Amino acid sequence: MTTENAESRPPERSGPPPTPAEADATYVRSLRTAGWLAELTDPLLAVFQESATANPDEDARRLDLLLLYYHASDTEAAARRRAQDRFFLHDADEPASARDLVVRLSSVTPELGTVTLERIGTDDGPLVLRAGEHLAAVSDPEEEEELDTGQIDLSELEEAASITVRGLVRAVNILLDRFGVRERLIPLPSDGRREAYAALPVAEAMTLCRAGGLDVTNAERLFDLAAW
């Protein structure tokens, strides 16, 4: 190797790899830079990390930290934070009907007004979300690849089939597009049991996607889910 080539190489990093706590703090700061977690200061993050249950699963550990922020014991602060970031989480261990989830999704997308889950035409017609005069089909292009945790009971619609949480989120994003809302709900990393979403504009969402901070790493899939 020539002296010139040696000098042009960036210096190699030295020292041990970051601890899980350090890596989690870096991840949380990347979310804060993107526009979320405005009230999560470094001292508060340190408190959360001390109180969170140790977990070897990186995604589960980080979801636990987010829940300490968005579902804090201070219910007023927790509600404000969820509204600010449009944070939505579904836990497969806490059964909910499709209509229950639509109500919860509506709570973080107030621009849409009343959102209802309906069938078009016959009893086996397609499912749609309706907001005012606007309709959005409830479909998930990746449904065959979805985890079982994403399946939602449709028994209240007298139909044995199921849909995915991501299919509902995608339909909400289509409605947000129809209403001219720039922010869209995008998926945070899932731990196989819990799915979390929050809203960002396209540029910030793409930055997180490229950095591996979302549950999708493919830009085309992200754009389809977000209806951009």
C-alpha atoms as a PDB file:
ATOM      1  CA  MET A   1       0.000   0.000   0.000  1.00  0.00           C
ATOM      2  CA  THR A   2       1.394   3.417  -0.919  1.00  0.00           C
ATOM      3  CA  THR A   3       1.700   6.224   1.596  1.00  0.00           C
ATOM      4  CA  GLU A   4      -0.850   8.217  -0.407  1.00  0.00           C
ATOM      5  CA  ASN A   5      -3.438   5.398  -0.232  1.00  0.00           C
ATOM      6  CA  ALA A   6      -2.816   4.894   3.462  1.00  0.00           C
ATOM      7  CA  GLU A   7      -3.320   8.586   4.162  1.00  0.00           C
ATOM      8  CA  SER A   8      -6.546   8.710   2.098  1.00  0.00           C
ATOM      9  CA  ARG A   9      -8.233   5.949   4.094  1.00  0.00           C
ATOM     10  CA  PRO A  10     -10.606   7.134   6.844  1.00  0.00           C
ATOM     11  CA  PRO A  11      -9.342   6.326  10.321  1.00  0.00           C
ATOM     12  CA  GLU A  12     -10.579   3.008  11.657  1.00  0.00           C
ATOM     13  CA  ARG A  13     -12.830   3.081  14.681  1.00  0.00           C
ATOM     14  CA  SER A  14     -11.230   1.772  17.819  1.00  0.00           C
ATOM     15  CA  GLY A  15     -12.625   0.594  21.104  1.00  0.00           C
ATOM     16  CA  PRO A  16     -15.420  -1.797  22.029  1.00  0.00           C
ATOM     17  CA  PRO A  17     -18.779  -1.821  20.235  1.00  0.00           C
ATOM     18  CA  PRO A  18     -21.577   0.221  21.809  1.00  0.00           C
ATOM     19  CA  THR A  19     -23.504  -1.357  24.641  1.00  0.00           C
ATOM     20  CA  PRO A  20     -27.222  -2.084  24.109  1.00  0.00           C
ATOM     21  CA  ALA A  21     -28.058   1.009  26.176  1.00  0.00           C
ATOM     22  CA  GLU A  22     -25.755   3.175  24.058  1.00  0.00           C
ATOM     23  CA  ALA A  23     -27.164   1.743  20.816  1.00  0.00           C
ATOM     24  CA  ASP A  24     -30.722   2.297  22.040  1.00  0.00           C
ATOM     25  CA  ALA A  25     -29.922   5.895  22.980  1.00  0.00           C
ATOM     26  CA  THR A  26     -28.476   6.500  19.510  1.00  0.00           C
ATOM     27  CA  TYR A  27     -31.595   5.007  17.924  1.00  0.00           C
ATOM     28  CA  VAL A  28     -33.932   7.136  20.041  1.00  0.00           C
ATOM     29  CA  ARG A  29     -31.957  10.258  19.135  1.00  0.00           C
ATOM     30  CA  SER A  30     -32.355   9.395  15.429  1.00  0.00           C
ATOM     31  CA  LEU A  31     -36.129   9.305  15.943  1.00  0.00           C
ATOM     32  CA  ARG A  32     -35.949  12.630  17.746  1.00  0.00           C
ATOM     33  CA  THR A  33     -33.943  14.140  14.895  1.00  0.00           C
ATOM     34  CA  ALA A  34     -36.606  12.933  12.454  1.00  0.00           C
ATOM     35  CA  GLY A  35     -39.240  14.896  14.354  1.00  0.00           C
ATOM     36  CA  TRP A  36     -40.639  12.528  16.983  1.00  0.00           C
ATOM     37  CA  LEU A  37     -40.166  12.395  20.766  1.00  0.00           C
ATOM     38  CA  ALA A  38     -39.916  16.170  21.203  1.00  0.00           C
ATOM     39  CA  GLU A  39     -40.292  15.895  24.978  1.00  0.00           C
ATOM     40  CA  LEU A  40     -37.825  13.024  25.434  1.00  0.00           C
ATOM     41  CA  THR A  41     -34.706  14.697  26.796  1.00  0.00           C
ATOM     42  CA  ASP A  42     -31.499  12.760  27.368  1.00  0.00           C
ATOM     43  CA  PRO A  43     -31.992  12.804  31.175  1.00  0.00           C
ATOM     44  CA  LEU A  44     -35.551  11.456  30.763  1.00  0.00           C
ATOM     45  CA  LEU A  45     -34.272   8.794  28.365  1.00  0.00           C
ATOM     46  CA  ALA A  46     -31.715   7.739  30.987  1.00  0.00           C
ATOM     47  CA  VAL A  47     -34.533   7.375  33.533  1.00  0.00           C
ATOM     48  CA  PHE A  48     -36.535   5.266  31.075  1.00  0.00           C
ATOM     49  CA  GLN A  49     -33.550   3.034  30.396  1.00  0.00           C
ATOM     50  CA  GLU A  50     -33.011   2.454  34.098  1.00  0.00           C
ATOM     51  CA  SER A  51     -36.659   1.551  34.674  1.00  0.00           C
ATOM     52  CA  ALA A  52     -37.177  -0.578  31.536  1.00  0.00           C
ATOM     53  CA  THR A  53     -37.002  -4.354  31.842  1.00  0.00           C
ATOM     54  CA  ALA A  54     -33.800  -5.837  30.420  1.00  0.00           C
ATOM     55  CA  ASN A  55     -34.524  -7.589  27.132  1.00  0.00           C
ATOM     56  CA  PRO A  56     -32.044  -9.188  24.693  1.00  0.00           C
ATOM     57  CA  ASP A  57     -34.433  -8.490  21.799  1.00  0.00           C
ATOM     58  CA  GLU A  58     -33.402  -5.115  20.408  1.00  0.00           C
ATOM     59  CA  ASP A  59     -36.756  -4.260  18.820  1.00  0.00           C
ATOM     60  CA  ALA A  60     -38.721  -5.281  21.920  1.00  0.00           C
ATOM     61  CA  ARG A  61     -36.403  -3.257  24.142  1.00  0.00           C
ATOM     62  CA  ARG A  62     -36.843  -0.138  22.032  1.00  0.00           C
ATOM     63  CA  LEU A  63     -40.609  -0.530  21.867  1.00  0.00           C
ATOM     64  CA  ASP A  64     -40.593  -0.733  25.666  1.00  0.00           C
ATOM     65  CA  LEU A  65     -38.785   2.618  25.778  1.00  0.00           C
ATOM     66  CA  LEU A  66     -41.289   4.183  23.385  1.00  0.00           C
ATOM     67  CA  LEU A  67     -44.187   2.921  25.485  1.00  0.00           C
ATOM     68  CA  LEU A  68     -42.704   4.553  28.578  1.00  0.00           C
ATOM     69  CA  TYR A  69     -42.847   7.821  26.636  1.00  0.00           C
ATOM     70  CA  TYR A  70     -46.176   7.491  24.799  1.00  0.00           C
ATOM     71  CA  HIS A  71     -48.043   5.664  27.583  1.00  0.00           C
ATOM     72  CA  ALA A  72     -46.530   7.411  30.583  1.00  0.00           C
ATOM     73  CA  SER A  73     -48.187   7.348  33.997  1.00  0.00           C
ATOM     74  CA  ASP A  74     -48.965  11.029  33.435  1.00  0.00           C
ATOM     75  CA  THR A  75     -51.994  10.378  31.236  1.00  0.00           C
ATOM     76  CA  GLU A  76     -52.273  13.992  30.087  1.00  0.00           C
ATOM     77  CA  ALA A  77     -48.649  14.061  28.916  1.00  0.00           C
ATOM     78  CA  ALA A  78     -49.017  10.630  27.308  1.00  0.00           C
ATOM     79  CA  ALA A  79     -52.102  11.693  25.347  1.00  0.00           C
ATOM     80  CA  ARG A  80     -50.360  14.882  24.221  1.00  0.00           C
ATOM     81  CA  ARG A  81     -47.309  12.956  23.010  1.00  0.00           C
ATOM     82  CA  ARG A  82     -49.391  10.410  21.092  1.00  0.00           C
ATOM     83  CA  ALA A  83     -51.304  13.224  19.425  1.00  0.00           C
ATOM     84  CA  GLN A  84     -48.122  15.135  18.548  1.00  0.00           C
ATOM     85  CA  ASP A  85     -46.495  12.182  16.786  1.00  0.00           C
ATOM     86  CA  ARG A  86     -49.714  10.342  15.808  1.00  0.00           C
ATOM     87  CA  PHE A  87     -48.380   7.308  17.653  1.00  0.00           C
ATOM     88  CA  PHE A  88     -50.399   4.106  17.332  1.00  0.00           C
ATOM     89  CA  LEU A  89     -49.553   0.651  18.684  1.00  0.00           C
ATOM     90  CA  HIS A  90     -51.298  -2.700  18.368  1.00  0.00           C
ATOM     91  CA  ASP A  91     -50.415  -5.520  20.752  1.00  0.00           C
ATOM     92  CA  ALA A  92     -51.509  -8.962  19.581  1.00  0.00           C
ATOM     93  CA  ASP A  93     -51.852 -10.045  23.219  1.00  0.00           C
ATOM     94  CA  GLU A  94     -54.597  -7.437  23.674  1.00  0.00           C
ATOM     95  CA  PRO A  95     -57.458  -8.574  21.403  1.00  0.00           C
ATOM     96  CA  ALA A  96     -59.195  -5.840  19.445  1.00  0.00           C
ATOM     97  CA  SER A  97     -61.704  -5.901  16.636  1.00  0.00           C
ATOM     98  CA  ALA A  98     -61.068  -4.203  13.320  1.00  0.00           C
ATOM     99  CA  ARG A  99     -63.580  -1.508  14.225  1.00  0.00           C
ATOM    100  CA  ASP A 100     -61.829  -0.920  17.556  1.00  0.00           C
ATOM    101  CA  LEU A 101     -58.571  -0.322  15.701  1.00  0.00           C
ATOM    102  CA  VAL A 102     -60.248   2.032  13.229  1.00  0.00           C
ATOM    103  CA  VAL A 103     -61.500   4.119  16.161  1.00  0.00           C
ATOM    104  CA  ARG A 104     -57.992   4.252  17.618  1.00  0.00           C
ATOM    105  CA  LEU A 105     -56.452   5.158  14.260  1.00  0.00           C
ATOM    106  CA  SER A 106     -59.057   7.901  13.878  1.00  0.00           C
ATOM    107  CA  SER A 107     -57.971   9.385  17.202  1.00  0.00           C
ATOM    108  CA  VAL A 108     -54.500  10.165  15.799  1.00  0.00           C
ATOM    109  CA  THR A 109     -55.820  11.408  12.440  1.00  0.00           C
ATOM    110  CA  PRO A 110     -58.436  14.007  13.468  1.00  0.00           C
ATOM    111  CA  GLU A 111     -58.354  15.656  10.033  1.00  0.00           C
ATOM    112  CA  LEU A 112     -60.330  12.707   8.690  1.00  0.00           C
ATOM    113  CA  GLY A 113     -63.293  13.219  10.991  1.00  0.00           C
ATOM    114  CA  THR A 114     -65.406  10.114  11.526  1.00  0.00           C
ATOM    115  CA  VAL A 115     -63.867   7.032   9.877  1.00  0.00           C
ATOM    116  CA  THR A 116     -65.927   3.866   9.446  1.00  0.00           C
ATOM    117  CA  LEU A 117     -65.161   0.345   8.227  1.00  0.00           C
ATOM    118  CA  GLU A 118     -67.688  -0.794   5.622  1.00  0.00           C
ATOM    119  CA  ARG A 119     -68.303  -3.374   2.933  1.00  0.00           C
ATOM    120  CA  ILE A 120     -69.137  -2.315  -0.588  1.00  0.00           C
ATOM    121  CA  GLY A 121     -71.984  -4.125  -2.319  1.00  0.00           C
ATOM    122  CA  THR A 122     -72.638  -7.715  -1.239  1.00  0.00           C
ATOM    123  CA  ASP A 123     -71.818  -9.438   2.050  1.00  0.00           C
ATOM    124  CA  ASP A 124     -68.522 -10.618   0.579  1.00  0.00           C
ATOM    125  CA  GLY A 125     -67.751  -7.308  -1.127  1.00  0.00           C
ATOM    126  CA  PRO A 126     -64.471  -5.455  -0.577  1.00  0.00           C
ATOM    127  CA  LEU A 127     -63.761  -3.755   2.737  1.00  0.00           C
ATOM    128  CA  VAL A 128     -63.176  -0.009   2.700  1.00  0.00           C
ATOM    129  CA  LEU A 129     -62.602   2.817   5.126  1.00  0.00           C
ATOM    130  CA  ARG A 130     -64.938   5.759   4.641  1.00  0.00           C
ATOM    131  CA  ALA A 131     -64.215   9.331   5.721  1.00  0.00           C
ATOM    132  CA  GLY A 132     -66.840  11.747   4.464  1.00  0.00           C
ATOM    133  CA  GLU A 133     -67.120  11.289   0.696  1.00  0.00           C
ATOM    134  CA  HIS A 134     -63.783   9.513   0.449  1.00  0.00           C
ATOM    135  CA  LEU A 135     -63.220   5.747   0.353  1.00  0.00           C
ATOM    136  CA  ALA A 136     -60.011   3.720   0.685  1.00  0.00           C
ATOM    137  CA  ALA A 137     -59.738  -0.016   0.095  1.00  0.00           C
ATOM    138  CA  VAL A 138     -58.432  -2.052   3.025  1.00  0.00           C
ATOM    139  CA  SER A 139     -55.730  -4.176   1.433  1.00  0.00           C
ATOM    140  CA  ASP A 140     -52.201  -5.255   2.194  1.00  0.00           C
ATOM    141  CA  PRO A 141     -49.988  -6.122  -0.812  1.00  0.00           C
ATOM    142  CA  GLU A 142     -47.707  -8.059   1.532  1.00  0.00           C
ATOM    143  CA  GLU A 143     -50.521  -9.896   3.317  1.00  0.00           C
ATOM    144  CA  GLU A 144     -49.130 -13.346   2.531  1.00  0.00           C
ATOM    145  CA  GLU A 145     -45.849 -12.354   4.149  1.00  0.00           C
ATOM    146  CA  GLU A 146     -47.394 -10.792   7.255  1.00  0.00           C
ATOM    147  CA  LEU A 147     -46.861 -12.233  10.717  1.00  0.00           C
ATOM    148  CA  ASP A 148     -49.869 -13.839  12.377  1.00  0.00           C
ATOM    149  CA  THR A 149     -49.835 -10.994  14.890  1.00  0.00           C
ATOM    150  CA  GLY A 150     -51.060  -8.708  12.146  1.00  0.00           C
ATOM    151  CA  GLN A 151     -54.325 -10.567  11.624  1.00  0.00           C
ATOM    152  CA  ILE A 152     -57.450  -8.881  12.981  1.00  0.00           C
ATOM    153  CA  ASP A 153     -60.760 -10.554  13.769  1.00  0.00           C
ATOM    154  CA  LEU A 154     -63.622  -9.595  11.469  1.00  0.00           C
ATOM    155  CA  SER A 155     -66.327 -11.581  13.234  1.00  0.00           C
ATOM    156  CA  GLU A 156     -68.290  -8.420  13.912  1.00  0.00           C
ATOM    157  CA  LEU A 157     -68.715  -8.116  10.147  1.00  0.00           C
ATOM    158  CA  GLU A 158     -70.020 -11.691   9.936  1.00  0.00           C
ATOM    159  CA  GLU A 159     -67.056 -12.708   7.819  1.00  0.00           C
ATOM    160  CA  ALA A 160     -64.556 -15.433   8.594  1.00  0.00           C
ATOM    161  CA  ALA A 161     -61.707 -13.718   6.795  1.00  0.00           C
ATOM    162  CA  SER A 162     -59.175 -11.441   8.435  1.00  0.00           C
ATOM    163  CA  ILE A 163     -57.262  -8.327   7.544  1.00  0.00           C
ATOM    164  CA  THR A 164     -53.955  -6.935   8.743  1.00  0.00           C
ATOM    165  CA  VAL A 165     -53.200  -3.931  10.897  1.00  0.00           C
ATOM    166  CA  ARG A 166     -50.929  -2.754   8.109  1.00  0.00           C
ATOM    167  CA  GLY A 167     -53.840  -2.961   5.669  1.00  0.00           C
ATOM    168  CA  LEU A 168     -55.864  -0.650   7.913  1.00  0.00           C
ATOM    169  CA  VAL A 169     -52.923   1.740   8.266  1.00  0.00           C
ATOM    170  CA  ARG A 170     -52.439   1.791   4.502  1.00  0.00           C
ATOM    171  CA  ALA A 171     -56.121   2.689   4.015  1.00  0.00           C
ATOM    172  CA  VAL A 172     -55.827   5.494   6.583  1.00  0.00           C
ATOM    173  CA  ASN A 173     -52.794   6.823   4.705  1.00  0.00           C
ATOM    174  CA  ILE A 174     -54.783   6.851   1.468  1.00  0.00           C
ATOM    175  CA  LEU A 175     -57.462   8.902   3.217  1.00  0.00           C
ATOM    176  CA  LEU A 176     -54.811  11.281   4.579  1.00  0.00           C
ATOM    177  CA  ASP A 177     -53.657  11.769   0.995  1.00  0.00           C
ATOM    178  CA  ARG A 178     -57.228  12.515  -0.120  1.00  0.00           C
ATOM    179  CA  PHE A 179     -57.511  15.112   2.637  1.00  0.00           C
ATOM    180  CA  GLY A 180     -54.213  16.747   1.664  1.00  0.00           C
ATOM    181  CA  VAL A 181     -52.301  15.763   4.815  1.00  0.00           C
ATOM    182  CA  ARG A 182     -48.547  15.508   4.155  1.00  0.00           C
ATOM    183  CA  GLU A 183     -47.692  13.298   7.121  1.00  0.00           C
ATOM    184  CA  ARG A 184     -48.344   9.567   6.862  1.00  0.00           C
ATOM    185  CA  LEU A 185     -48.261   6.721   9.361  1.00  0.00           C
ATOM    186  CA  ILE A 186     -45.097   4.667   8.942  1.00  0.00           C
ATOM    187  CA  PRO A 187     -44.004   1.476  10.757  1.00  0.00           C
ATOM    188  CA  LEU A 188     -41.445   1.351  13.510  1.00  0.00           C
ATOM    189  CA  PRO A 189     -39.582  -1.950  13.988  1.00  0.00           C
ATOM    190  CA  SER A 190     -41.883  -4.710  15.273  1.00  0.00           C
ATOM    191  CA  ASP A 191     -40.961  -7.315  17.870  1.00  0.00           C
ATOM    192  CA  GLY A 192     -43.292  -9.937  16.380  1.00  0.00           C
ATOM    193  CA  ARG A 193     -46.055  -9.187  18.882  1.00  0.00           C
ATOM    194  CA  ARG A 194     -46.420  -5.421  18.763  1.00  0.00           C
ATOM    195  CA  GLU A 195     -46.769  -3.149  15.736  1.00  0.00           C
ATOM    196  CA  ALA A 196     -46.113   0.567  16.199  1.00  0.00           C
ATOM    197  CA  TYR A 197     -46.704   3.447  13.812  1.00  0.00           C
ATOM    198  CA  ALA A 198     -46.147   7.196  13.918  1.00  0.00           C
ATOM    199  CA  ALA A 199     -46.405   9.945  11.310  1.00  0.00           C
ATOM    200  CA  LEU A 200     -43.731  11.778   9.337  1.00  0.00           C
ATOM    201  CA  PRO A 201     -43.446  13.710   6.064  1.00  0.00           C
ATOM    202  CA  VAL A 202     -41.799  11.923   3.155  1.00  0.00           C
ATOM    203  CA  ALA A 203     -38.238  13.310   3.455  1.00  0.00           C
ATOM    204  CA  GLU A 204     -37.864  12.462   7.137  1.00  0.00           C
ATOM    205  CA  ALA A 205     -39.436   9.033   6.614  1.00  0.00           C
ATOM    206  CA  MET A 206     -37.025   8.235   3.786  1.00  0.00           C
ATOM    207  CA  THR A 207     -34.051   9.236   5.930  1.00  0.00           C
ATOM    208  CA  LEU A 208     -35.125   6.794   8.640  1.00  0.00           C
ATOM    209  CA  CYS A 209     -35.850   4.110   6.050  1.00  0.00           C
ATOM    210  CA  ARG A 210     -32.349   4.356   4.581  1.00  0.00           C
ATOM    211  CA  ALA A 211     -30.842   4.256   8.076  1.00  0.00           C
ATOM    212  CA  GLY A 212     -32.717   1.066   8.942  1.00  0.00           C
ATOM    213  CA  GLY A 213     -34.862   2.768  11.561  1.00  0.00           C
ATOM    214  CA  LEU A 214     -38.205   1.500  10.237  1.00  0.00           C
ATOM    215  CA  ASP A 215     -39.911  -1.862   9.829  1.00  0.00           C
ATOM    216  CA  VAL A 216     -39.514  -1.489   6.057  1.00  0.00           C
ATOM    217  CA  THR A 217     -36.151  -0.961   4.397  1.00  0.00           C
ATOM    218  CA  ASN A 218     -37.409  -0.860   0.818  1.00  0.00           C
ATOM    219  CA  ALA A 219     -38.360   2.617  -0.413  1.00  0.00           C
ATOM    220  CA  GLU A 220     -40.931   1.275  -2.871  1.00  0.00           C
ATOM    221  CA  ARG A 221     -42.765  -0.612  -0.125  1.00  0.00           C
ATOM    222  CA  LEU A 222     -42.633   2.424   2.145  1.00  0.00           C
ATOM    223  CA  PHE A 223     -44.128   4.645  -0.561  1.00  0.00           C
ATOM    224  CA  ASP A 224     -46.897   2.117  -1.184  1.00  0.00           C
ATOM    225  CA  LEU A 225     -47.766   1.825   2.506  1.00  0.00           C
ATOM    226  CA  ALA A 226     -47.670   5.591   3.019  1.00  0.00           C
ATOM    227  CA  ALA A 227     -49.630   6.338  -0.185  1.00  0.00           C
ATOM    228  CA  TRP A 228     -47.086   8.907  -1.348  1.00  0.00           C
END
